[in-house]
Amino acid sequence: MQVKRTLWFLPAVLLILAMALAACGGSATPAPTQAPAEQPTQAPEPTKAPEPTKAPEPTMVPAVEVSGTGQPELDKALAGDYAGTVVTMFGPFTGPDEVKFNESVAEFEKQTGIDIQYTGSKEFETTISVRVDAGDPPDIADFPQPGLLGNLAKAGKVIDVSTYMNMDWLHKNYKQAWLDMATMSGSSGDIMAGVWARFNGKSQVWYPKKAWDEAGYPIPKTWDEMMALTQQIADDGDTAWCIGIESGTATGWPATDWMEEIMLRTTSLDNYDKWTRGELPFTSPEVKHAAEVMTDIWFNPDYVFGGREGIVSTFFGDSPAPMFEDPPKCWMHKQGNFITSFFPEGLQAGVDYDFFYLPPIDPQYGKPYLVAGDIYAQFTDRPEVRAVMEYFTTGASLKTWLASGGALSPHNDASLDWYGDDVERKVAEMVQQADSVRFDGSDLMPSEVGAGSFWKGMTDYVAGTVDLDTALAEIDAAWPHK
């Protein structure tokens, strides 16, 4: 901008001062007028959407850094071949998560000209099936419960992404476990029903670091060491574990997480997968053994703060709070990385609290990690939709989300340096080092079981209203008939 100076009426001293200031500041170089961006050549497409109205872009979004994927439609998209097209998405992200998702794809939209129109709904689980059955599916949907996606895949409603994606790239950029979990039964055989986009880890044991260090307690590396530590804390006059399973209509779900963790550590991945599909009953020796291992901790009043009664009556979000009393009333709490939002205010990660990996039990089953997360599935088959799906196989698709917090990346090309939260970075590193990864088992089961009889059966067992054999049989009885 040019500034006019009227000098003829000013005193000479001001003229000298102005000249001195100009000499110090130097002359401003006007910015060149930016030429309009050249429109990329439009490739023929099955479906052509109108030019989207561009929303304001978030500031300081890094450029999309994607290379070496060998994904043909993604390469074409980055070259501008699909500029002006629209890809619709539907999922459960609302509020801050919806904002973070839109920020995570903003630079991709800018570089490709593809408008990703995301709609979030808290009623996603009930709405998506209705839309698909009515012939009005979104191009892509985000499933936080793979069991629901599995139903649609079996009905032949989902695109098999392995028919066009570069499988060499997928094997390079994902642990095999993620690809295994994306493989589901289709209408005429197994298909790859989607790609994993983000996750959260569950196999963490939290502890009050400051008090822990003062007590001189070691970090256990094996289950036996953890049990020895549990007994040591009891001998010191404290209870080791903080556990609560009360959660309103969802009461019991923390118990199902414990069962899943122990199943992964005491039997094969094949048996775990059969269990989540209903092919290995709850009354089997493998599942009963997992419950008995859990019982060794949960039913010992010297080990758990508040005993069995406290486990059933304590809200899960309140259960870790006694760790932070002075002195602590309990010392360990197994839960997903979201639990820090329930910790008392003012606590600092790495100073007031920390966490370790829930140790393995049987060495032959390695170091598994239990997760929950989101898998993106495709319902329409157009080039621009393929390009967006291919983009979601890269760590770049989550880079800004990792920086702002609230997501973990399943992609091998996602750098740990991208994480803005130290806790999430550490969880991501632990998952990278894991021998295997499996999804929350109850979320893979039919809702009658995973969000029904499993929750209730474990609650009844812990409360003492039924014995273990009865609880397991009642869980099995709720499994839908095939």
Protein backbone atom coordinates (compact mmCIF):
# COMPACT_ATOMS: atom_id res chain seq x y z
CA MET A 1 0.00 0.00 0.00
CA GLN A 2 1.30 3.50 -0.89
CA VAL A 3 1.38 6.16 1.87
CA LYS A 4 1.04 9.81 0.84
CA ARG A 5 3.09 12.40 2.68
CA THR A 6 2.27 16.14 2.54
CA LEU A 7 5.50 17.79 3.52
CA TRP A 8 5.40 21.39 2.34
CA PHE A 9 3.70 22.68 5.47
CA LEU A 10 5.72 20.68 8.02
CA PRO A 11 8.59 22.12 9.92
CA ALA A 12 11.99 21.19 8.62
CA VAL A 13 12.75 19.08 11.63
CA LEU A 14 9.90 16.72 10.79
CA LEU A 15 11.10 16.46 7.23
CA ILE A 16 14.53 15.36 8.47
CA LEU A 17 12.93 12.85 10.82
CA ALA A 18 10.78 11.36 8.07
CA MET A 19 13.81 10.98 5.81
CA ALA A 20 15.72 9.26 8.57
CA LEU A 21 12.88 6.81 9.21
CA ALA A 22 12.59 6.05 5.51
CA ALA A 23 16.30 5.34 5.32
CA CYS A 24 16.06 2.93 8.27
CA GLY A 25 12.99 1.13 6.97
CA GLY A 26 14.06 0.72 3.37
CA SER A 27 11.70 0.82 0.41
CA ALA A 28 8.74 -1.54 0.25
CA THR A 29 8.52 -3.82 -2.75
CA PRO A 30 4.93 -4.24 -3.87
CA ALA A 31 3.82 -7.89 -4.12
CA PRO A 32 3.22 -9.04 -7.67
CA THR A 33 -0.32 -9.62 -8.73
CA GLN A 34 -0.97 -13.33 -8.57
CA ALA A 35 -2.03 -14.91 -11.81
CA PRO A 36 -5.11 -17.07 -11.70
CA ALA A 37 -4.32 -20.76 -11.21
CA GLU A 38 -4.31 -22.77 -14.39
CA GLN A 39 -7.22 -25.17 -14.47
CA PRO A 40 -6.13 -28.78 -14.92
CA THR A 41 -7.31 -30.73 -17.92
CA GLN A 42 -10.50 -32.53 -17.01
CA ALA A 43 -10.43 -36.30 -17.41
CA PRO A 44 -13.62 -38.08 -18.51
CA GLU A 45 -15.46 -39.40 -15.47
CA PRO A 46 -18.53 -41.53 -14.89
CA THR A 47 -20.08 -38.86 -12.69
CA LYS A 48 -19.30 -35.15 -12.87
CA ALA A 49 -20.09 -32.83 -9.97
CA PRO A 50 -20.31 -29.04 -10.27
CA GLU A 51 -17.42 -26.86 -9.17
CA PRO A 52 -17.59 -26.74 -5.35
CA THR A 53 -17.85 -23.56 -3.37
CA LYS A 54 -14.58 -23.32 -1.50
CA ALA A 55 -14.74 -22.96 2.25
CA PRO A 56 -12.14 -20.91 4.14
CA GLU A 57 -8.99 -22.96 4.55
CA PRO A 58 -7.35 -23.52 7.92
CA THR A 59 -4.10 -21.71 8.42
CA MET A 60 -0.67 -23.34 8.55
CA VAL A 61 -1.75 -26.60 6.90
CA PRO A 62 1.29 -28.37 5.45
CA ALA A 63 1.34 -29.47 1.85
CA VAL A 64 0.24 -32.99 1.08
CA GLU A 65 3.35 -35.16 1.21
CA VAL A 66 2.57 -38.35 -0.69
CA SER A 67 5.08 -40.28 -2.74
CA GLY A 68 5.90 -43.83 -3.68
CA THR A 69 2.42 -45.24 -3.09
CA GLY A 70 1.92 -46.48 -6.65
CA GLN A 71 -1.79 -45.69 -6.29
CA PRO A 72 -2.91 -44.73 -9.82
CA GLU A 73 -6.01 -42.68 -9.02
CA LEU A 74 -4.26 -40.80 -6.22
CA ASP A 75 -1.46 -39.82 -8.60
CA LYS A 76 -4.00 -38.57 -11.14
CA ALA A 77 -5.86 -36.64 -8.45
CA LEU A 78 -2.69 -34.87 -7.32
CA ALA A 79 -2.06 -34.00 -10.97
CA GLY A 80 -5.45 -32.26 -11.05
CA ASP A 81 -7.33 -34.77 -13.20
CA TYR A 82 -10.38 -34.83 -10.92
CA ALA A 83 -10.63 -31.15 -10.04
CA GLY A 84 -14.22 -30.00 -9.64
CA THR A 85 -15.59 -33.34 -8.49
CA VAL A 86 -17.35 -34.07 -5.22
CA VAL A 87 -16.91 -37.04 -2.89
CA THR A 88 -19.48 -37.44 -0.11
CA MET A 89 -18.65 -38.93 3.28
CA PHE A 90 -20.86 -39.92 6.19
CA GLY A 91 -19.76 -40.87 9.70
CA PRO A 92 -19.99 -40.32 13.44
CA PHE A 93 -17.59 -37.34 13.66
CA THR A 94 -19.40 -34.32 15.11
CA GLY A 95 -18.22 -31.21 16.95
CA PRO A 96 -14.44 -30.93 17.40
CA ASP A 97 -13.78 -34.27 15.65
CA GLU A 98 -15.65 -33.10 12.56
CA VAL A 99 -13.58 -29.93 12.52
CA LYS A 100 -10.35 -31.92 12.84
CA PHE A 101 -11.38 -34.27 10.04
CA ASN A 102 -12.13 -31.37 7.71
CA GLU A 103 -8.80 -29.77 8.57
CA SER A 104 -7.00 -33.06 7.85
CA VAL A 105 -8.27 -33.17 4.25
CA ALA A 106 -8.18 -29.42 3.53
CA GLU A 107 -4.80 -29.36 1.80
CA PHE A 108 -5.66 -32.46 -0.25
CA GLU A 109 -8.83 -30.71 -1.42
CA LYS A 110 -6.83 -27.62 -2.29
CA GLN A 111 -4.22 -29.52 -4.28
CA THR A 112 -6.61 -31.85 -6.10
CA GLY A 113 -9.72 -29.73 -6.51
CA ILE A 114 -11.79 -32.60 -5.10
CA ASP A 115 -14.41 -31.42 -2.62
CA ILE A 116 -14.82 -33.93 0.23
CA GLN A 117 -18.23 -33.17 1.70
CA TYR A 118 -18.41 -34.76 5.14
CA THR A 119 -21.65 -35.13 7.09
CA GLY A 120 -21.46 -36.21 10.72
CA SER A 121 -24.28 -37.69 12.76
CA LYS A 122 -24.62 -39.08 16.26
CA GLU A 123 -27.19 -41.45 14.75
CA PHE A 124 -24.71 -42.81 12.22
CA GLU A 125 -25.04 -46.48 13.23
CA THR A 126 -28.80 -46.53 12.67
CA THR A 127 -28.82 -44.21 9.65
CA ILE A 128 -26.12 -45.78 7.47
CA SER A 129 -27.92 -49.11 7.02
CA VAL A 130 -31.15 -47.32 6.12
CA ARG A 131 -29.37 -45.22 3.50
CA VAL A 132 -27.56 -48.16 1.97
CA ASP A 133 -30.71 -50.30 1.83
CA ALA A 134 -32.59 -47.39 0.23
CA GLY A 135 -29.99 -47.07 -2.53
CA ASP A 136 -28.75 -43.72 -1.21
CA PRO A 137 -25.33 -44.51 0.23
CA PRO A 138 -22.55 -41.96 0.68
CA ASP A 139 -19.49 -42.44 -1.47
CA ILE A 140 -17.47 -43.29 1.67
CA ALA A 141 -18.56 -44.05 5.23
CA ASP A 142 -16.57 -44.09 8.46
CA PHE A 143 -17.32 -47.10 10.65
CA PRO A 144 -16.22 -47.06 14.30
CA GLN A 145 -17.79 -50.53 14.66
CA PRO A 146 -16.45 -53.01 12.09
CA GLY A 147 -19.23 -55.46 12.96
CA LEU A 148 -21.77 -53.16 11.31
CA LEU A 149 -19.59 -52.84 8.22
CA GLY A 150 -19.28 -56.62 8.15
CA ASN A 151 -23.06 -56.96 7.82
CA LEU A 152 -23.11 -54.62 4.82
CA ALA A 153 -20.12 -56.35 3.25
CA LYS A 154 -21.82 -59.74 3.56
CA ALA A 155 -24.86 -58.29 1.81
CA GLY A 156 -22.69 -57.27 -1.14
CA LYS A 157 -23.10 -53.53 -0.57
CA VAL A 158 -19.41 -52.63 -0.15
CA ILE A 159 -16.69 -52.08 -2.78
CA ASP A 160 -13.73 -54.45 -2.51
CA VAL A 161 -10.82 -52.01 -2.43
CA SER A 162 -8.30 -54.77 -3.15
CA THR A 163 -9.60 -54.88 -6.73
CA TYR A 164 -7.90 -51.58 -7.55
CA MET A 165 -5.51 -50.57 -4.78
CA ASN A 166 -1.79 -51.24 -4.95
CA MET A 167 -1.50 -54.16 -2.53
CA ASP A 168 2.27 -53.86 -2.36
CA TRP A 169 1.79 -50.37 -0.96
CA LEU A 170 -0.79 -51.57 1.58
CA HIS A 171 1.52 -54.32 2.80
CA LYS A 172 4.31 -51.77 3.11
CA ASN A 173 2.31 -49.13 4.93
CA TYR A 174 0.19 -51.25 7.30
CA LYS A 175 0.94 -54.02 9.75
CA GLN A 176 -0.55 -57.24 8.42
CA ALA A 177 -2.98 -57.20 11.33
CA TRP A 178 -4.67 -54.05 10.00
CA LEU A 179 -5.16 -55.71 6.60
CA ASP A 180 -6.47 -58.85 8.28
CA MET A 181 -9.02 -56.78 10.21
CA ALA A 182 -10.13 -55.07 6.98
CA THR A 183 -10.79 -58.42 5.32
CA MET A 184 -14.41 -59.47 5.73
CA SER A 185 -16.86 -61.93 4.22
CA GLY A 186 -18.51 -60.60 1.08
CA SER A 187 -21.50 -61.94 -0.80
CA SER A 188 -19.27 -64.37 -2.71
CA GLY A 189 -16.06 -64.68 -0.73
CA ASP A 190 -13.68 -62.55 1.31
CA ILE A 191 -13.16 -58.91 0.36
CA MET A 192 -11.10 -56.03 1.68
CA ALA A 193 -14.00 -53.98 2.95
CA GLY A 194 -12.12 -50.75 3.61
CA VAL A 195 -8.95 -49.12 4.93
CA TRP A 196 -8.09 -48.28 8.51
CA ALA A 197 -7.85 -44.55 9.03
CA ARG A 198 -7.25 -43.87 12.74
CA PHE A 199 -7.34 -45.69 16.07
CA ASN A 200 -6.93 -45.43 19.83
CA GLY A 201 -4.97 -47.85 21.99
CA LYS A 202 -6.38 -49.81 24.91
CA SER A 203 -3.49 -51.91 26.24
CA GLN A 204 -2.15 -49.28 28.63
CA VAL A 205 -1.75 -49.46 32.40
CA TRP A 206 -1.72 -46.01 34.00
CA TYR A 207 0.04 -45.19 37.25
CA PRO A 208 0.75 -42.13 39.47
CA LYS A 209 4.33 -41.50 38.39
CA LYS A 210 5.45 -39.15 41.16
CA ALA A 211 4.27 -41.40 43.98
CA TRP A 212 5.34 -44.50 42.04
CA ASP A 213 8.90 -43.28 41.67
CA GLU A 214 9.04 -42.29 45.34
CA ALA A 215 7.87 -45.80 46.30
CA GLY A 216 10.53 -47.34 44.07
CA TYR A 217 8.13 -49.65 42.24
CA PRO A 218 9.48 -51.24 39.02
CA ILE A 219 7.72 -51.27 35.65
CA PRO A 220 6.67 -54.90 35.06
CA LYS A 221 7.65 -56.47 31.73
CA THR A 222 5.75 -59.76 32.14
CA TRP A 223 2.41 -60.77 33.63
CA ASP A 224 4.21 -62.66 36.41
CA GLU A 225 6.17 -59.52 37.27
CA MET A 226 2.93 -57.52 37.30
CA MET A 227 1.30 -60.03 39.65
CA ALA A 228 4.38 -59.97 41.90
CA LEU A 229 4.14 -56.18 42.00
CA THR A 230 0.42 -56.43 42.78
CA GLN A 231 1.26 -58.63 45.76
CA GLN A 232 4.10 -56.34 46.82
CA ILE A 233 1.73 -53.36 46.91
CA ALA A 234 -0.73 -55.44 48.96
CA ASP A 235 2.07 -56.36 51.36
CA ASP A 236 2.80 -52.63 51.69
CA GLY A 237 -0.77 -52.17 52.88
CA ASP A 238 -2.33 -50.75 49.70
CA THR A 239 -4.54 -52.06 46.92
CA ALA A 240 -2.80 -52.15 43.56
CA TRP A 241 -5.72 -51.79 41.16
CA CYS A 242 -8.30 -49.10 40.46
CA ILE A 243 -11.25 -50.69 38.59
CA GLY A 244 -14.78 -49.52 37.87
CA ILE A 245 -17.29 -50.83 35.33
CA GLU A 246 -20.38 -48.69 35.98
CA SER A 247 -21.42 -46.84 32.82
CA GLY A 248 -25.21 -46.44 32.84
CA THR A 249 -26.83 -48.63 30.20
CA ALA A 250 -23.32 -49.67 29.05
CA THR A 251 -22.26 -50.95 32.48
CA GLY A 252 -19.82 -53.82 32.12
CA TRP A 253 -17.89 -52.75 29.04
CA PRO A 254 -14.54 -52.27 30.89
CA ALA A 255 -14.78 -55.93 31.93
CA THR A 256 -15.13 -56.96 28.29
CA ASP A 257 -11.93 -55.04 27.49
CA TRP A 258 -10.07 -56.97 30.17
CA MET A 259 -11.40 -60.24 28.76
CA GLU A 260 -10.23 -59.28 25.26
CA GLU A 261 -6.77 -58.31 26.52
CA ILE A 262 -6.35 -61.64 28.31
CA MET A 263 -7.70 -63.66 25.36
CA LEU A 264 -5.04 -62.08 23.13
CA ARG A 265 -2.37 -63.06 25.65
CA THR A 266 -3.50 -66.65 26.37
CA THR A 267 -4.67 -68.05 23.03
CA SER A 268 -4.04 -67.68 19.31
CA LEU A 269 -5.18 -64.85 17.07
CA ASP A 270 -7.17 -67.43 15.14
CA ASN A 271 -9.07 -68.36 18.29
CA TYR A 272 -9.62 -64.68 19.12
CA ASP A 273 -11.08 -64.10 15.66
CA LYS A 274 -13.29 -67.19 15.94
CA TRP A 275 -14.49 -65.97 19.32
CA THR A 276 -15.54 -62.58 17.93
CA ARG A 277 -17.41 -64.38 15.09
CA GLY A 278 -19.23 -66.74 17.41
CA GLU A 279 -17.29 -69.80 16.26
CA LEU A 280 -15.53 -70.22 19.62
CA PRO A 281 -18.19 -70.15 22.36
CA PHE A 282 -17.84 -68.31 25.63
CA THR A 283 -18.17 -71.64 27.39
CA SER A 284 -15.01 -72.93 25.66
CA PRO A 285 -11.95 -73.66 27.84
CA GLU A 286 -10.05 -70.77 26.20
CA VAL A 287 -12.60 -68.12 27.11
CA LYS A 288 -13.26 -69.54 30.58
CA HIS A 289 -9.52 -69.51 31.28
CA ALA A 290 -9.33 -65.80 30.32
CA ALA A 291 -12.13 -65.06 32.78
CA GLU A 292 -10.32 -67.00 35.52
CA VAL A 293 -7.10 -65.04 34.94
CA MET A 294 -9.08 -61.81 35.31
CA THR A 295 -10.78 -63.20 38.42
CA ASP A 296 -7.41 -63.73 40.11
CA ILE A 297 -7.03 -59.95 40.26
CA TRP A 298 -10.60 -58.67 40.38
CA PHE A 299 -11.95 -60.92 43.13
CA ASN A 300 -9.04 -60.51 45.53
CA PRO A 301 -10.02 -57.75 48.02
CA ASP A 302 -6.36 -57.14 48.77
CA TYR A 303 -5.73 -56.24 45.13
CA VAL A 304 -8.64 -53.96 44.11
CA PHE A 305 -9.69 -50.71 45.75
CA GLY A 306 -13.25 -51.13 47.01
CA GLY A 307 -13.35 -54.85 46.25
CA ARG A 308 -15.93 -56.49 43.97
CA GLU A 309 -18.69 -54.21 45.23
CA GLY A 310 -16.63 -51.16 44.35
CA ILE A 311 -15.90 -52.47 40.87
CA VAL A 312 -19.60 -52.75 40.04
CA SER A 313 -20.70 -49.49 41.65
CA THR A 314 -17.85 -47.18 40.57
CA PHE A 315 -18.26 -45.12 37.40
CA PHE A 316 -15.44 -46.08 35.06
CA GLY A 317 -14.36 -42.44 34.63
CA ASP A 318 -14.06 -41.98 38.39
CA SER A 319 -12.20 -45.20 39.04
CA PRO A 320 -8.63 -43.89 38.43
CA ALA A 321 -9.08 -40.86 40.72
CA PRO A 322 -7.87 -42.61 43.91
CA MET A 323 -4.45 -43.04 42.27
CA PHE A 324 -3.91 -39.31 42.69
CA GLU A 325 -4.77 -39.02 46.36
CA ASP A 326 -1.97 -38.46 48.84
CA PRO A 327 -1.05 -41.18 49.50
CA PRO A 328 -2.52 -43.16 46.56
CA LYS A 329 -5.32 -45.57 47.46
CA CYS A 330 -4.58 -47.64 44.35
CA TRP A 331 -1.68 -47.68 41.92
CA MET A 332 -2.62 -49.13 38.53
CA HIS A 333 -5.51 -48.63 36.12
CA LYS A 334 -5.91 -50.39 32.75
CA GLN A 335 -7.73 -48.26 30.18
CA GLY A 336 -7.56 -46.64 26.74
CA ASN A 337 -5.69 -43.42 26.11
CA PHE A 338 -8.94 -41.41 26.31
CA ILE A 339 -9.03 -41.92 30.10
CA THR A 340 -6.69 -38.98 30.73
CA SER A 341 -9.65 -36.67 30.09
CA PHE A 342 -11.17 -38.07 33.30
CA PHE A 343 -8.06 -37.48 35.41
CA PRO A 344 -8.17 -34.66 37.97
CA GLU A 345 -7.38 -31.24 36.52
CA GLY A 346 -3.86 -29.90 36.62
CA LEU A 347 -2.03 -33.20 36.23
CA GLN A 348 0.88 -33.35 33.80
CA ALA A 349 1.75 -36.38 31.70
CA GLY A 350 5.21 -37.74 32.40
CA VAL A 351 5.30 -35.93 35.74
CA ASP A 352 2.13 -36.78 37.67
CA TYR A 353 1.17 -39.86 35.67
CA ASP A 354 2.57 -42.21 33.09
CA PHE A 355 1.70 -45.62 31.65
CA PHE A 356 3.21 -48.93 30.60
CA TYR A 357 2.19 -51.68 28.23
CA LEU A 358 -0.08 -54.36 29.73
CA PRO A 359 2.45 -57.21 29.82
CA PRO A 360 2.21 -60.46 27.86
CA ILE A 361 1.20 -63.67 29.63
CA ASP A 362 2.28 -66.56 27.40
CA PRO A 363 5.43 -65.82 25.36
CA GLN A 364 4.18 -67.86 22.40
CA TYR A 365 1.46 -65.25 21.75
CA GLY A 366 3.91 -62.34 21.73
CA LYS A 367 2.98 -58.76 22.55
CA PRO A 368 -0.51 -58.05 21.18
CA TYR A 369 -2.24 -54.67 21.26
CA LEU A 370 -5.97 -54.12 21.66
CA VAL A 371 -7.38 -51.16 19.74
CA ALA A 372 -10.56 -49.43 18.69
CA GLY A 373 -10.80 -47.10 15.72
CA ASP A 374 -12.28 -46.15 12.39
CA ILE A 375 -12.34 -48.02 9.10
CA TYR A 376 -13.40 -46.17 5.94
CA ALA A 377 -15.53 -48.14 3.48
CA GLN A 378 -16.47 -47.34 -0.12
CA PHE A 379 -19.98 -47.66 -1.55
CA THR A 380 -19.68 -46.07 -5.01
CA ASP A 381 -17.02 -46.66 -7.64
CA ARG A 382 -15.84 -43.53 -9.43
CA PRO A 383 -12.23 -42.47 -10.07
CA GLU A 384 -12.33 -39.55 -7.66
CA VAL A 385 -13.74 -41.77 -4.90
CA ARG A 386 -10.94 -44.26 -5.48
CA ALA A 387 -8.43 -41.41 -5.25
CA VAL A 388 -9.77 -40.28 -1.87
CA MET A 389 -9.74 -43.84 -0.55
CA GLU A 390 -6.15 -44.23 -1.73
CA TYR A 391 -5.24 -41.00 0.04
CA PHE A 392 -6.63 -42.41 3.28
CA THR A 393 -4.01 -45.19 3.11
CA THR A 394 -1.28 -42.60 3.77
CA GLY A 395 -0.12 -41.03 7.00
CA ALA A 396 -0.38 -37.63 5.31
CA SER A 397 -4.18 -37.95 5.55
CA LEU A 398 -3.91 -37.66 9.35
CA LYS A 399 -0.93 -35.34 9.76
CA THR A 400 -2.77 -32.26 11.01
CA TRP A 401 -5.02 -34.40 13.23
CA LEU A 402 -1.99 -35.99 14.87
CA ALA A 403 -0.57 -32.53 15.51
CA SER A 404 -3.76 -31.21 17.10
CA GLY A 405 -4.42 -34.41 19.08
CA GLY A 406 -7.24 -36.93 19.27
CA ALA A 407 -6.07 -39.55 16.77
CA LEU A 408 -3.44 -42.22 16.29
CA SER A 409 -2.27 -43.34 12.85
CA PRO A 410 -2.15 -46.99 11.73
CA HIS A 411 0.14 -46.02 8.83
CA ASN A 412 3.80 -46.96 8.85
CA ASP A 413 4.74 -43.74 7.04
CA ALA A 414 3.29 -41.57 9.84
CA SER A 415 6.24 -40.10 11.72
CA LEU A 416 6.20 -40.06 15.50
CA ASP A 417 7.42 -36.47 15.20
CA TRP A 418 4.00 -35.48 13.83
CA TYR A 419 2.26 -36.08 17.17
CA GLY A 420 1.54 -32.99 19.19
CA ASP A 421 0.63 -34.96 22.32
CA ASP A 422 3.33 -36.90 24.18
CA VAL A 423 0.90 -39.55 25.45
CA GLU A 424 -0.45 -40.26 21.98
CA ARG A 425 3.08 -40.40 20.57
CA LYS A 426 4.05 -43.00 23.16
CA VAL A 427 0.96 -45.12 22.51
CA ALA A 428 1.59 -44.96 18.76
CA GLU A 429 5.17 -46.11 19.31
CA MET A 430 4.01 -49.01 21.48
CA VAL A 431 1.58 -50.14 18.78
CA GLN A 432 4.32 -49.93 16.16
CA GLN A 433 6.39 -52.27 18.34
CA ALA A 434 3.55 -54.73 18.96
CA ASP A 435 3.64 -58.21 17.44
CA SER A 436 -0.05 -58.11 16.56
CA VAL A 437 -3.07 -55.82 16.68
CA ARG A 438 -6.69 -56.75 17.17
CA PHE A 439 -9.88 -54.72 17.38
CA ASP A 440 -12.07 -54.53 20.47
CA GLY A 441 -13.83 -57.90 20.39
CA SER A 442 -17.21 -56.77 21.73
CA ASP A 443 -17.45 -54.20 18.93
CA LEU A 444 -16.96 -56.99 16.40
CA MET A 445 -19.74 -59.13 17.88
CA PRO A 446 -23.44 -58.68 17.10
CA SER A 447 -24.95 -56.00 19.28
CA GLU A 448 -27.12 -58.59 21.06
CA VAL A 449 -23.87 -59.99 22.45
CA GLY A 450 -21.14 -57.34 22.27
CA ALA A 451 -23.34 -54.53 23.63
CA GLY A 452 -25.79 -56.81 25.40
CA SER A 453 -25.23 -60.18 27.00
CA PHE A 454 -21.44 -59.76 27.23
CA TRP A 455 -21.77 -56.54 29.23
CA LYS A 456 -24.56 -57.96 31.40
CA GLY A 457 -22.98 -61.36 31.92
CA MET A 458 -19.68 -59.91 33.12
CA THR A 459 -21.49 -57.46 35.41
CA ASP A 460 -23.60 -60.23 36.92
CA TYR A 461 -20.53 -62.38 37.46
CA VAL A 462 -18.54 -59.62 39.15
CA ALA A 463 -21.55 -58.66 41.28
CA GLY A 464 -21.84 -62.27 42.43
CA THR A 465 -25.40 -62.84 41.24
CA VAL A 466 -24.32 -65.73 38.98
CA ASP A 467 -21.33 -68.04 38.84
CA LEU A 468 -18.86 -68.03 35.96
CA ASP A 469 -20.29 -71.02 34.11
CA THR A 470 -23.79 -69.55 34.22
CA ALA A 471 -22.59 -66.13 33.06
CA LEU A 472 -20.71 -67.59 30.08
CA ALA A 473 -23.65 -69.79 29.08
CA GLU A 474 -26.04 -66.84 29.23
CA ILE A 475 -23.73 -64.77 27.02
CA ASP A 476 -23.66 -67.57 24.44
CA ALA A 477 -27.44 -67.94 24.54
CA ALA A 478 -27.88 -64.40 23.22
CA TRP A 479 -25.89 -65.06 20.04
CA PRO A 480 -28.21 -64.61 17.02
CA HIS A 481 -29.11 -67.79 15.21
CA LYS A 482 -27.45 -68.06 11.81
